[in-house]
Amino acid sequence: VGTGSLRGMGHLARLAAAGFTIWPFDEAGWPRVVEVYPRLCVPAGVVKSRHRSRRDHLHDWFPQQDPVLLERAAGCEDAFDAAVTALAMAADLPSLIDLPRFTAGAPQLIEGCVWAPTTRRGAQRPAPR
């Protein structure tokens, strides 16, 4: 267990005490905490370490968003991760509402579980405009 996990556990305890449900451990409810892995929200061809790759992906996939916000999101890897994850979550809200439940003894109830978009937003490049 790394330092990030140890810090995260403390945050989860505080969120749970404040009334958040923690998926997959708690019964479904709102507000809800889910673990995400931003790379699951981005296609394999995006090179996150390259500004141009981040920018092109954001402009190709999210043309309806404010161009200024997309440029800010492309500004660094952390901002990019946050933006694409939030946009993927918004695009796949039904899967966040109806998260899978696990039976007693399931490994997910011991180790936890990572949410992934079911629509695989960004899994394929959009058709040319």
N, C-alpha and C. Protein backbone atom coordinates (compact mmCIF):
# COMPACT_ATOMS: atom_id res chain seq x y z
N VAL A 1 0.85 -1.18 0.00
CA VAL A 1 0.00 0.00 0.00
C VAL A 1 0.89 1.23 0.00
N GLY A 2 0.69 2.10 -0.99
CA GLY A 2 1.50 3.31 -1.11
C GLY A 2 0.94 4.47 -0.32
N THR A 3 1.70 5.57 -0.31
CA THR A 3 1.28 6.74 0.45
C THR A 3 -0.01 7.34 -0.11
N GLY A 4 -0.19 7.28 -1.43
CA GLY A 4 -1.43 7.79 -2.02
C GLY A 4 -2.64 7.03 -1.52
N SER A 5 -2.50 5.70 -1.42
CA SER A 5 -3.60 4.88 -0.91
C SER A 5 -3.90 5.21 0.55
N LEU A 6 -2.85 5.36 1.33
CA LEU A 6 -3.05 5.67 2.75
C LEU A 6 -3.75 7.02 2.92
N ARG A 7 -3.33 8.00 2.15
CA ARG A 7 -4.01 9.31 2.21
C ARG A 7 -5.45 9.19 1.75
N GLY A 8 -5.65 8.44 0.68
CA GLY A 8 -7.00 8.27 0.15
C GLY A 8 -7.94 7.63 1.14
N MET A 9 -7.45 6.67 1.91
CA MET A 9 -8.30 5.99 2.90
C MET A 9 -8.82 6.99 3.93
N GLY A 10 -7.98 7.90 4.36
CA GLY A 10 -8.42 8.93 5.30
C GLY A 10 -9.50 9.81 4.70
N HIS A 11 -9.32 10.18 3.44
CA HIS A 11 -10.34 11.00 2.76
C HIS A 11 -11.65 10.22 2.62
N LEU A 12 -11.56 8.94 2.28
CA LEU A 12 -12.77 8.13 2.16
C LEU A 12 -13.51 8.05 3.48
N ALA A 13 -12.78 7.89 4.58
CA ALA A 13 -13.42 7.83 5.89
C ALA A 13 -14.16 9.13 6.19
N ARG A 14 -13.53 10.27 5.88
CA ARG A 14 -14.19 11.56 6.12
C ARG A 14 -15.42 11.73 5.22
N LEU A 15 -15.31 11.33 3.96
CA LEU A 15 -16.46 11.43 3.06
C LEU A 15 -17.60 10.53 3.52
N ALA A 16 -17.28 9.32 3.95
CA ALA A 16 -18.31 8.40 4.45
C ALA A 16 -18.98 8.99 5.69
N ALA A 17 -18.19 9.57 6.59
CA ALA A 17 -18.76 10.18 7.80
C ALA A 17 -19.66 11.37 7.45
N ALA A 18 -19.39 12.00 6.32
CA ALA A 18 -20.20 13.15 5.88
C ALA A 18 -21.43 12.72 5.08
N GLY A 19 -21.63 11.40 4.92
CA GLY A 19 -22.84 10.91 4.26
C GLY A 19 -22.68 10.43 2.84
N PHE A 20 -21.46 10.42 2.31
CA PHE A 20 -21.24 9.89 0.97
C PHE A 20 -21.28 8.37 1.01
N THR A 21 -21.81 7.75 -0.06
CA THR A 21 -21.69 6.30 -0.20
C THR A 21 -20.42 6.02 -0.99
N ILE A 22 -19.75 4.94 -0.64
CA ILE A 22 -18.49 4.57 -1.28
C ILE A 22 -18.74 3.29 -2.08
N TRP A 23 -18.67 3.40 -3.40
CA TRP A 23 -18.88 2.23 -4.26
C TRP A 23 -17.57 1.47 -4.40
N PRO A 24 -17.59 0.17 -4.28
CA PRO A 24 -18.71 -0.77 -4.25
C PRO A 24 -19.09 -1.23 -2.84
N PHE A 25 -18.56 -0.58 -1.82
CA PHE A 25 -18.71 -1.08 -0.46
C PHE A 25 -20.07 -0.80 0.16
N ASP A 26 -20.69 0.32 -0.17
CA ASP A 26 -21.95 0.71 0.44
C ASP A 26 -23.12 0.45 -0.49
N GLU A 27 -24.32 0.45 0.10
CA GLU A 27 -25.53 0.39 -0.71
C GLU A 27 -25.58 1.64 -1.59
N ALA A 28 -26.20 1.51 -2.73
CA ALA A 28 -26.27 2.64 -3.66
C ALA A 28 -26.98 3.83 -3.02
N GLY A 29 -26.45 4.99 -3.24
CA GLY A 29 -27.05 6.22 -2.73
C GLY A 29 -26.25 7.41 -3.22
N TRP A 30 -26.77 8.58 -2.92
CA TRP A 30 -26.12 9.83 -3.32
C TRP A 30 -25.91 10.70 -2.11
N PRO A 31 -24.87 11.47 -2.07
CA PRO A 31 -23.76 11.54 -3.02
C PRO A 31 -22.92 10.27 -2.98
N ARG A 32 -22.21 10.02 -4.07
CA ARG A 32 -21.49 8.75 -4.25
C ARG A 32 -20.04 9.01 -4.64
N VAL A 33 -19.15 8.19 -4.10
CA VAL A 33 -17.72 8.23 -4.45
C VAL A 33 -17.41 6.99 -5.26
N VAL A 34 -16.76 7.18 -6.41
CA VAL A 34 -16.28 6.06 -7.22
C VAL A 34 -14.81 6.29 -7.54
N GLU A 35 -14.06 5.21 -7.62
CA GLU A 35 -12.66 5.32 -8.04
C GLU A 35 -12.63 5.33 -9.56
N VAL A 36 -11.81 6.20 -10.11
CA VAL A 36 -11.68 6.29 -11.57
C VAL A 36 -10.21 6.17 -11.95
N TYR A 37 -9.99 5.71 -13.16
CA TYR A 37 -8.66 5.65 -13.75
C TYR A 37 -8.76 6.42 -15.06
N PRO A 38 -8.28 7.65 -15.10
CA PRO A 38 -8.49 8.50 -16.28
C PRO A 38 -8.09 7.86 -17.60
N ARG A 39 -7.11 7.00 -17.61
CA ARG A 39 -6.66 6.40 -18.87
C ARG A 39 -7.77 5.58 -19.52
N LEU A 40 -8.73 5.10 -18.74
CA LEU A 40 -9.84 4.35 -19.31
C LEU A 40 -10.80 5.24 -20.09
N CYS A 41 -10.66 6.55 -19.96
CA CYS A 41 -11.53 7.51 -20.63
C CYS A 41 -10.90 8.10 -21.88
N VAL A 42 -9.74 7.61 -22.26
CA VAL A 42 -8.97 8.17 -23.37
C VAL A 42 -8.54 7.03 -24.29
N PRO A 43 -8.63 7.22 -25.60
CA PRO A 43 -8.18 6.15 -26.50
C PRO A 43 -6.67 5.95 -26.44
N ALA A 44 -6.25 4.78 -26.84
CA ALA A 44 -4.83 4.41 -26.75
C ALA A 44 -3.91 5.32 -27.54
N GLY A 45 -4.37 5.94 -28.60
CA GLY A 45 -3.49 6.75 -29.44
C GLY A 45 -3.12 8.11 -28.88
N VAL A 46 -3.77 8.54 -27.81
CA VAL A 46 -3.48 9.85 -27.24
C VAL A 46 -2.20 9.76 -26.41
N VAL A 47 -1.23 10.60 -26.73
CA VAL A 47 0.03 10.65 -25.98
C VAL A 47 -0.12 11.78 -24.96
N LYS A 48 -0.40 11.40 -23.72
CA LYS A 48 -0.70 12.41 -22.70
C LYS A 48 0.45 13.35 -22.42
N SER A 49 1.66 12.93 -22.68
CA SER A 49 2.81 13.79 -22.40
C SER A 49 3.01 14.87 -23.46
N ARG A 50 2.21 14.82 -24.53
CA ARG A 50 2.32 15.81 -25.61
C ARG A 50 1.11 16.73 -25.63
N HIS A 51 1.39 18.02 -25.51
CA HIS A 51 0.31 19.01 -25.50
C HIS A 51 -0.57 18.90 -26.74
N ARG A 52 0.06 18.79 -27.90
CA ARG A 52 -0.71 18.71 -29.15
C ARG A 52 -1.66 17.52 -29.16
N SER A 53 -1.22 16.38 -28.66
CA SER A 53 -2.05 15.19 -28.62
C SER A 53 -3.25 15.39 -27.68
N ARG A 54 -2.98 15.97 -26.51
CA ARG A 54 -4.07 16.26 -25.56
C ARG A 54 -5.06 17.24 -26.19
N ARG A 55 -4.54 18.32 -26.77
CA ARG A 55 -5.39 19.35 -27.37
C ARG A 55 -6.23 18.78 -28.51
N ASP A 56 -5.59 18.03 -29.41
CA ASP A 56 -6.32 17.47 -30.54
C ASP A 56 -7.44 16.54 -30.08
N HIS A 57 -7.14 15.71 -29.10
CA HIS A 57 -8.18 14.80 -28.59
C HIS A 57 -9.36 15.59 -28.03
N LEU A 58 -9.08 16.57 -27.21
CA LEU A 58 -10.16 17.36 -26.62
C LEU A 58 -10.99 18.06 -27.69
N HIS A 59 -10.36 18.68 -28.66
CA HIS A 59 -11.09 19.40 -29.71
C HIS A 59 -11.84 18.44 -30.64
N ASP A 60 -11.28 17.26 -30.91
CA ASP A 60 -11.96 16.28 -31.76
C ASP A 60 -13.19 15.70 -31.08
N TRP A 61 -13.04 15.35 -29.81
CA TRP A 61 -14.09 14.63 -29.11
C TRP A 61 -15.12 15.52 -28.43
N PHE A 62 -14.74 16.71 -28.09
CA PHE A 62 -15.64 17.57 -27.32
C PHE A 62 -15.78 18.95 -27.97
N PRO A 63 -16.13 18.99 -29.27
CA PRO A 63 -16.21 20.27 -29.99
C PRO A 63 -17.28 21.20 -29.43
N GLN A 64 -18.24 20.65 -28.69
CA GLN A 64 -19.32 21.47 -28.14
C GLN A 64 -18.86 22.25 -26.90
N GLN A 65 -17.69 21.92 -26.37
CA GLN A 65 -17.19 22.61 -25.18
C GLN A 65 -16.51 23.92 -25.57
N ASP A 66 -16.47 24.83 -24.63
CA ASP A 66 -15.83 26.13 -24.83
C ASP A 66 -14.36 25.92 -25.21
N PRO A 67 -13.91 26.44 -26.35
CA PRO A 67 -12.52 26.25 -26.78
C PRO A 67 -11.49 26.74 -25.75
N VAL A 68 -11.83 27.79 -25.02
CA VAL A 68 -10.90 28.28 -23.99
C VAL A 68 -10.73 27.23 -22.89
N LEU A 69 -11.83 26.61 -22.49
CA LEU A 69 -11.74 25.56 -21.46
C LEU A 69 -10.98 24.35 -21.98
N LEU A 70 -11.17 24.01 -23.24
CA LEU A 70 -10.44 22.88 -23.80
C LEU A 70 -8.94 23.17 -23.82
N GLU A 71 -8.56 24.38 -24.16
CA GLU A 71 -7.14 24.74 -24.14
C GLU A 71 -6.57 24.65 -22.73
N ARG A 72 -7.33 25.09 -21.76
CA ARG A 72 -6.86 24.99 -20.37
C ARG A 72 -6.72 23.52 -19.96
N ALA A 73 -7.68 22.70 -20.37
CA ALA A 73 -7.64 21.28 -20.04
C ALA A 73 -6.45 20.59 -20.71
N ALA A 74 -6.04 21.09 -21.86
CA ALA A 74 -4.88 20.50 -22.55
C ALA A 74 -3.56 20.99 -21.98
N GLY A 75 -3.61 21.97 -21.09
CA GLY A 75 -2.41 22.63 -20.60
C GLY A 75 -1.43 21.75 -19.84
N CYS A 76 -1.93 20.73 -19.15
CA CYS A 76 -1.04 19.80 -18.44
C CYS A 76 -1.76 18.47 -18.31
N GLU A 77 -1.01 17.43 -17.99
CA GLU A 77 -1.59 16.09 -17.92
C GLU A 77 -2.66 15.98 -16.84
N ASP A 78 -2.44 16.63 -15.69
CA ASP A 78 -3.43 16.54 -14.61
C ASP A 78 -4.75 17.19 -15.02
N ALA A 79 -4.68 18.37 -15.64
CA ALA A 79 -5.90 19.04 -16.09
C ALA A 79 -6.60 18.21 -17.17
N PHE A 80 -5.82 17.61 -18.05
CA PHE A 80 -6.36 16.76 -19.10
C PHE A 80 -7.09 15.56 -18.49
N ASP A 81 -6.42 14.88 -17.55
CA ASP A 81 -7.05 13.73 -16.88
C ASP A 81 -8.37 14.12 -16.24
N ALA A 82 -8.37 15.23 -15.51
CA ALA A 82 -9.59 15.68 -14.83
C ALA A 82 -10.70 15.98 -15.83
N ALA A 83 -10.36 16.68 -16.90
CA ALA A 83 -11.38 17.07 -17.89
C ALA A 83 -11.95 15.87 -18.62
N VAL A 84 -11.09 15.00 -19.15
CA VAL A 84 -11.63 13.87 -19.92
C VAL A 84 -12.42 12.92 -19.02
N THR A 85 -12.00 12.78 -17.77
CA THR A 85 -12.75 11.92 -16.86
C THR A 85 -14.11 12.51 -16.56
N ALA A 86 -14.17 13.81 -16.25
CA ALA A 86 -15.45 14.46 -15.98
C ALA A 86 -16.37 14.40 -17.19
N LEU A 87 -15.83 14.64 -18.38
CA LEU A 87 -16.65 14.59 -19.59
C LEU A 87 -17.13 13.17 -19.88
N ALA A 88 -16.28 12.18 -19.65
CA ALA A 88 -16.69 10.78 -19.84
C ALA A 88 -17.77 10.39 -18.84
N MET A 89 -17.63 10.85 -17.60
CA MET A 89 -18.64 10.54 -16.59
C MET A 89 -19.98 11.19 -16.96
N ALA A 90 -19.94 12.43 -17.43
CA ALA A 90 -21.17 13.11 -17.83
C ALA A 90 -21.82 12.40 -19.02
N ALA A 91 -21.01 11.92 -19.96
CA ALA A 91 -21.53 11.24 -21.14
C ALA A 91 -22.08 9.86 -20.82
N ASP A 92 -21.64 9.28 -19.72
CA ASP A 92 -22.03 7.91 -19.37
C ASP A 92 -22.74 7.87 -18.01
N LEU A 93 -23.54 8.89 -17.74
CA LEU A 93 -24.24 8.98 -16.47
C LEU A 93 -25.07 7.75 -16.12
N PRO A 94 -25.75 7.11 -17.09
CA PRO A 94 -26.52 5.91 -16.73
C PRO A 94 -25.69 4.83 -16.04
N SER A 95 -24.44 4.66 -16.45
CA SER A 95 -23.63 3.62 -15.81
C SER A 95 -23.23 4.02 -14.40
N LEU A 96 -23.16 5.31 -14.11
CA LEU A 96 -22.87 5.76 -12.75
C LEU A 96 -24.09 5.65 -11.84
N ILE A 97 -25.26 5.77 -12.44
CA ILE A 97 -26.49 5.62 -11.66
C ILE A 97 -26.72 4.16 -11.32
N ASP A 98 -26.42 3.27 -12.25
CA ASP A 98 -26.70 1.84 -12.08
C ASP A 98 -25.40 1.04 -12.00
N LEU A 99 -24.59 1.32 -11.00
CA LEU A 99 -23.32 0.61 -10.83
C LEU A 99 -23.58 -0.83 -10.40
N PRO A 100 -22.72 -1.76 -10.81
CA PRO A 100 -22.92 -3.15 -10.41
C PRO A 100 -22.80 -3.33 -8.90
N ARG A 101 -23.57 -4.28 -8.40
CA ARG A 101 -23.49 -4.67 -6.99
C ARG A 101 -22.78 -6.01 -6.94
N PHE A 102 -22.13 -6.29 -5.84
CA PHE A 102 -21.37 -7.52 -5.71
C PHE A 102 -21.86 -8.30 -4.49
N THR A 103 -21.80 -9.62 -4.59
CA THR A 103 -22.25 -10.46 -3.49
C THR A 103 -21.17 -10.58 -2.43
N ALA A 104 -21.59 -10.92 -1.23
CA ALA A 104 -20.66 -11.07 -0.11
C ALA A 104 -19.52 -12.00 -0.50
N GLY A 105 -18.31 -11.63 -0.15
CA GLY A 105 -17.14 -12.42 -0.46
C GLY A 105 -16.51 -12.11 -1.80
N ALA A 106 -17.16 -11.29 -2.61
CA ALA A 106 -16.60 -10.93 -3.92
C ALA A 106 -15.31 -10.14 -3.71
N PRO A 107 -14.30 -10.36 -4.55
CA PRO A 107 -13.03 -9.64 -4.39
C PRO A 107 -13.20 -8.12 -4.43
N GLN A 108 -14.18 -7.64 -5.19
CA GLN A 108 -14.40 -6.19 -5.29
C GLN A 108 -14.78 -5.58 -3.95
N LEU A 109 -15.37 -6.38 -3.06
CA LEU A 109 -15.75 -5.87 -1.75
C LEU A 109 -14.58 -5.88 -0.78
N ILE A 110 -13.48 -6.45 -1.20
CA ILE A 110 -12.25 -6.43 -0.39
C ILE A 110 -11.27 -5.41 -0.98
N GLU A 111 -11.07 -5.48 -2.27
CA GLU A 111 -10.07 -4.64 -2.95
C GLU A 111 -10.62 -3.33 -3.48
N GLY A 112 -11.93 -3.26 -3.69
CA GLY A 112 -12.51 -2.09 -4.33
C GLY A 112 -12.68 -2.34 -5.82
N CYS A 113 -13.13 -1.32 -6.52
CA CYS A 113 -13.44 -1.46 -7.93
C CYS A 113 -13.24 -0.12 -8.61
N VAL A 114 -12.82 -0.14 -9.86
CA VAL A 114 -12.61 1.08 -10.63
C VAL A 114 -13.74 1.22 -11.64
N TRP A 115 -14.38 2.39 -11.66
CA TRP A 115 -15.42 2.66 -12.65
C TRP A 115 -14.77 2.89 -14.01
N ALA A 116 -15.39 2.35 -15.04
CA ALA A 116 -14.94 2.58 -16.42
C ALA A 116 -16.16 2.93 -17.25
N PRO A 117 -16.02 3.86 -18.19
CA PRO A 117 -17.17 4.22 -19.02
C PRO A 117 -17.62 3.04 -19.87
N THR A 118 -18.92 2.80 -19.89
CA THR A 118 -19.44 1.70 -20.71
C THR A 118 -19.54 2.11 -22.17
N THR A 119 -19.60 3.41 -22.42
CA THR A 119 -19.70 3.88 -23.80
C THR A 119 -18.34 3.93 -24.47
N ARG A 120 -17.28 3.76 -23.71
CA ARG A 120 -15.90 3.80 -24.21
C ARG A 120 -15.69 5.07 -25.03
N ARG A 121 -16.15 6.18 -24.49
CA ARG A 121 -15.99 7.49 -25.14
C ARG A 121 -14.53 7.67 -25.52
N GLY A 122 -14.28 7.85 -26.77
CA GLY A 122 -12.92 8.04 -27.23
C GLY A 122 -12.25 6.76 -27.69
N ALA A 123 -12.95 5.63 -27.62
CA ALA A 123 -12.33 4.37 -28.04
C ALA A 123 -12.07 4.35 -29.54
N GLN A 124 -12.86 5.09 -30.28
CA GLN A 124 -12.64 5.20 -31.72
C GLN A 124 -12.63 6.67 -32.09
N ARG A 125 -11.89 6.99 -33.09
CA ARG A 125 -11.86 8.38 -33.56
C ARG A 125 -13.20 8.71 -34.22
N PRO A 126 -13.72 9.92 -33.99
CA PRO A 126 -14.99 10.29 -34.63
C PRO A 126 -14.84 10.37 -36.15
N ALA A 127 -15.95 10.23 -36.82
CA ALA A 127 -15.95 10.38 -38.28
C ALA A 127 -15.55 11.80 -38.64
N PRO A 128 -14.85 11.97 -39.75
CA PRO A 128 -14.46 13.33 -40.15
C PRO A 128 -15.69 14.22 -40.30
N ARG A 129 -15.51 15.50 -39.97
CA ARG A 129 -16.63 16.44 -40.07
C ARG A 129 -16.72 17.02 -41.44
